[in-house]
Protein backbone atom coordinates (compact mmCIF):
# COMPACT_ATOMS: atom_id res chain seq x y z
CA MET A 1 -17.23 82.02 -69.24
CA LYS A 2 -19.50 84.09 -71.06
CA ALA A 3 -19.96 84.91 -74.76
CA VAL A 4 -22.14 87.56 -75.95
CA ILE A 5 -21.94 87.24 -80.20
CA ARG A 6 -23.90 90.36 -81.64
CA ARG A 7 -23.22 88.93 -85.03
CA LYS A 8 -21.14 86.38 -86.73
CA VAL A 9 -20.87 86.42 -90.24
CA PHE A 10 -19.61 84.31 -93.58
CA GLY A 11 -19.86 85.61 -96.68
CA SER A 12 -23.42 87.61 -96.09
CA GLU A 13 -25.24 84.79 -93.81
CA ALA A 14 -25.38 85.97 -90.18
CA VAL A 15 -24.62 82.47 -88.61
CA ILE A 16 -24.81 83.36 -84.92
CA GLN A 17 -26.95 86.58 -84.50
CA ASN A 18 -27.93 88.10 -81.06
CA ARG A 19 -26.95 84.94 -78.96
CA PHE A 20 -25.46 85.35 -74.96
CA PHE A 21 -23.94 82.02 -73.55
CA ASP A 22 -23.10 81.73 -70.10
CA ILE A 23 -20.51 78.30 -69.86
CA PRO A 24 -20.14 77.28 -66.32
CA ASP A 25 -16.95 77.04 -64.77
CA GLY A 26 -15.68 73.68 -63.94
CA LYS A 27 -19.05 71.73 -65.64
CA CYS A 28 -19.81 70.00 -68.37
CA THR A 29 -21.91 72.00 -71.58
CA ALA A 30 -22.74 69.89 -74.88
CA ILE A 31 -23.31 72.35 -77.67
CA THR A 32 -25.80 70.76 -79.62
CA GLY A 33 -27.81 71.43 -83.12
CA PRO A 34 -28.35 71.03 -86.80
CA SER A 35 -25.39 70.74 -89.37
CA GLY A 36 -24.28 74.48 -89.87
CA SER A 37 -25.86 75.69 -87.01
CA GLY A 38 -22.70 77.66 -85.89
CA LYS A 39 -21.74 75.05 -83.44
CA THR A 40 -18.28 74.61 -84.47
CA THR A 41 -18.15 78.61 -85.41
CA LEU A 42 -19.30 78.90 -81.10
CA MET A 43 -16.39 76.36 -80.14
CA ARG A 44 -13.88 78.27 -82.04
CA ILE A 45 -14.88 81.55 -80.58
CA LEU A 46 -15.10 80.58 -77.20
CA ALA A 47 -11.77 78.77 -77.29
CA GLY A 48 -10.37 82.01 -78.82
CA LEU A 49 -9.68 80.86 -82.12
CA ASP A 50 -11.74 82.84 -83.83
CA HIS A 51 -11.69 86.54 -83.35
CA ASP A 52 -13.97 88.25 -86.59
CA PHE A 53 -17.16 88.53 -84.53
CA ASP A 54 -19.00 91.35 -83.06
CA GLY A 55 -19.52 90.55 -79.29
CA TYR A 56 -17.18 89.25 -76.65
CA ILE A 57 -15.82 87.01 -74.23
CA GLU A 58 -15.44 87.09 -70.35
CA ASN A 59 -13.47 85.48 -68.67
CA PRO A 60 -12.17 83.62 -71.39
CA ALA A 61 -10.20 80.20 -71.57
CA GLU A 62 -6.14 80.92 -70.65
CA LYS A 63 -5.15 77.66 -72.06
CA ALA A 64 -7.59 75.86 -73.87
CA MET A 65 -7.44 72.51 -74.88
CA ILE A 66 -8.96 71.69 -78.25
CA LEU A 67 -9.91 68.22 -80.04
CA PHE A 68 -10.83 69.52 -83.38
CA GLN A 69 -13.32 67.25 -85.50
CA GLU A 70 -10.88 66.22 -87.91
CA ASP A 71 -7.83 64.06 -86.32
CA ARG A 72 -4.82 66.44 -87.56
CA LEU A 73 -2.64 63.28 -86.85
CA VAL A 74 0.63 63.14 -89.06
CA GLY A 75 0.18 60.17 -91.14
CA ASN A 76 3.40 59.09 -92.14
CA ILE A 77 4.68 58.51 -88.60
CA SER A 78 3.98 55.77 -85.78
CA ALA A 79 1.32 56.08 -83.65
CA LEU A 80 3.65 56.22 -80.86
CA SER A 81 5.28 59.11 -82.79
CA ASN A 82 1.90 61.19 -83.14
CA LEU A 83 1.56 61.43 -78.90
CA LEU A 84 5.63 61.93 -78.26
CA LEU A 85 5.17 65.37 -80.56
CA VAL A 86 3.29 66.93 -77.43
CA ALA A 87 3.72 64.53 -74.85
CA ASP A 88 5.93 64.92 -72.05
CA SER A 89 7.38 61.58 -71.69
CA ARG A 90 7.32 58.09 -73.86
CA TRP A 91 5.77 56.82 -70.55
CA ASN A 92 2.89 58.89 -70.77
CA ALA A 93 2.12 58.41 -74.29
CA MET A 94 2.24 54.72 -73.91
CA LYS A 95 -0.26 55.09 -71.40
CA ALA A 96 -2.43 57.37 -73.31
CA LEU A 97 -2.51 54.40 -76.41
CA SER A 98 -2.81 51.68 -73.43
CA ALA A 99 -5.79 53.96 -71.77
CA LEU A 100 -7.81 54.45 -75.16
CA SER A 101 -6.91 50.32 -76.51
CA LEU A 102 -4.27 51.24 -78.49
CA GLY A 103 -1.70 49.42 -76.67
CA GLY A 104 -0.62 47.04 -79.28
CA ASP A 105 -1.03 49.78 -82.29
CA TRP A 106 1.61 51.80 -81.33
CA MET A 107 4.34 50.87 -83.96
CA LYS A 108 1.76 51.36 -87.19
CA LYS A 109 1.65 54.56 -88.99
CA ALA A 110 -1.24 56.89 -88.29
CA SER A 111 -2.21 56.64 -91.99
CA GLU A 112 -2.15 52.84 -91.55
CA LEU A 113 -5.50 53.07 -88.66
CA SER A 114 -8.82 52.56 -89.84
CA GLY A 115 -11.02 55.95 -88.94
CA GLY A 116 -12.21 54.91 -85.41
CA MET A 117 -8.29 53.86 -84.56
CA ARG A 118 -7.20 57.16 -85.65
CA ARG A 119 -10.14 58.91 -83.83
CA LYS A 120 -8.96 57.21 -80.69
CA LEU A 121 -5.36 58.32 -81.78
CA ALA A 122 -6.59 61.62 -81.68
CA ILE A 123 -8.21 61.72 -77.83
CA ALA A 124 -5.42 59.66 -76.67
CA ARG A 125 -3.16 63.45 -77.50
CA PHE A 126 -5.67 65.26 -76.32
CA LEU A 127 -5.29 63.37 -73.10
CA LEU A 128 -1.61 64.57 -73.22
CA LEU A 129 -2.40 68.42 -73.63
CA ASP A 130 -2.39 70.72 -70.57
CA GLY A 131 -5.03 73.84 -69.90
CA ASP A 132 -8.04 74.95 -68.26
CA VAL A 133 -10.90 74.08 -70.85
CA LEU A 134 -11.39 71.51 -72.62
CA PHE A 135 -13.26 71.74 -76.17
CA LEU A 136 -14.41 68.79 -77.71
CA ASP A 137 -16.01 68.91 -81.55
CA GLU A 138 -17.31 65.65 -82.24
CA PRO A 139 -15.77 63.48 -79.75
CA PHE A 140 -16.90 60.27 -80.69
CA ARG A 141 -17.26 60.68 -84.34
CA ALA A 142 -15.92 57.49 -86.17
CA LEU A 143 -16.25 55.15 -82.92
CA ASP A 144 -18.38 52.14 -82.44
CA ASP A 145 -20.01 51.87 -79.53
CA GLU A 146 -17.78 50.24 -77.28
CA SER A 147 -15.27 52.65 -78.14
CA ARG A 148 -17.86 55.35 -77.14
CA ARG A 149 -18.17 54.15 -73.70
CA ASN A 150 -14.45 53.30 -73.44
CA ALA A 151 -13.29 56.93 -75.00
CA ALA A 152 -16.47 58.73 -72.99
CA ALA A 153 -15.23 57.29 -69.62
CA VAL A 154 -11.10 58.37 -69.97
CA LEU A 155 -12.62 61.80 -70.73
CA ARG A 156 -14.83 62.08 -68.03
CA ASP A 157 -11.81 60.94 -65.80
CA PHE A 158 -9.39 63.49 -67.30
CA ARG A 159 -11.66 66.30 -67.00
CA GLN A 160 -11.20 66.42 -63.06
CA GLY A 161 -13.28 69.54 -62.98
CA ARG A 162 -12.13 71.60 -65.63
CA THR A 163 -14.44 73.03 -67.61
CA MET A 164 -15.64 70.99 -70.68
CA VAL A 165 -17.33 72.06 -73.69
CA PHE A 166 -17.93 69.74 -76.45
CA ILE A 167 -20.19 69.21 -79.94
CA THR A 168 -22.32 66.79 -80.43
CA HIS A 169 -25.12 65.48 -82.83
CA ASP A 170 -26.53 62.25 -80.62
CA ASP A 171 -28.09 62.65 -77.14
CA GLU A 172 -26.28 59.41 -76.29
CA ASP A 173 -23.05 61.49 -76.15
CA VAL A 174 -24.77 64.43 -73.54
CA SER A 175 -25.27 61.41 -71.50
CA LEU A 176 -21.73 59.58 -71.70
CA LEU A 177 -20.27 62.49 -71.28
CA GLU A 178 -22.30 63.59 -67.97
CA ALA A 179 -22.93 66.85 -69.50
CA ASP A 180 -24.35 68.83 -66.48
CA PHE A 181 -25.63 72.14 -69.40
CA THR A 182 -27.08 71.39 -72.68
CA LEU A 183 -27.00 74.59 -75.43
CA SER A 184 -29.35 74.21 -78.60
CA LEU A 185 -28.73 75.74 -81.54
CA PRO A 186 -31.45 76.54 -83.89
């Protein structure tokens, strides 16, 4: 996937200007940079969620899978019910919960989970999606070190040769997800 972004603005401020991005197929690419540098904007453009820019995308994702920075869970239903909204079977939903060490919490409402547990639940839901390109915005936000390492291992296995693009502020995340390439935004 290649992206040419001549200009992307918010209000009167150019967020990304005169940039070319090459995202290699089947590889893992990290997008890094300070807050406000346009990382999430770039990911939204690459994932096909934002078309309001001057430029183009070559070979866009046919079916993007997106883990947003916000968990986007339904708070008043159980962890399992959140997964069953996208899962093809209860078995696969329980497997995803177990992979993220949430098997014992499947009956708890999402609103009753800690911030780290909600993030693990959002990752578990992501594992139940199907697509050709994986986009993750700050995937390990709110996770402790052990949970980060476990989630990274699960995501590396899940990737199975598909293209992965993720945003992070943490160099350790680049290592944990074994990024092949890093794009740094100013």
